[in-house]
Amino acid sequence: MYAIVEIAGQQFKVTQDQKVFVHRLK
């Protein structure tokens, strides 16, 4: 199972056991 998340116009494919680190927007 996975989810597609969109952050700041960028899409990330995230699996259930995966941790995604994203640079915070200032």
Protein backbone atom coordinates (compact mmCIF):
# COMPACT_ATOMS: atom_id res chain seq x y z
CA MET A 1 0.00 0.00 0.00
CA TYR A 2 1.28 3.42 -0.84
CA ALA A 3 0.09 6.98 -1.06
CA ILE A 4 0.96 9.86 -3.36
CA VAL A 5 1.39 13.05 -1.41
CA GLU A 6 1.97 16.47 -2.90
CA ILE A 7 4.03 18.99 -0.96
CA ALA A 8 4.91 22.40 -2.34
CA GLY A 9 4.03 21.23 -5.83
CA GLN A 10 6.27 18.15 -5.62
CA GLN A 11 4.82 14.66 -5.59
CA PHE A 12 6.23 11.94 -3.37
CA LYS A 13 5.36 8.24 -3.45
CA VAL A 14 5.23 7.08 0.16
CA THR A 15 5.01 3.45 1.20
CA GLN A 16 3.64 2.32 4.51
CA ASP A 17 7.06 1.63 6.06
CA GLN A 18 8.84 4.56 4.50
CA LYS A 19 9.60 7.86 6.18
CA VAL A 20 9.87 10.91 3.98
CA PHE A 21 11.88 13.92 5.02
CA VAL A 22 10.98 17.17 3.31
CA HIS A 23 12.75 20.49 3.63
CA ARG A 24 10.51 22.91 5.47
CA LEU A 25 9.43 26.00 3.61
CA LYS A 26 10.44 29.22 5.30
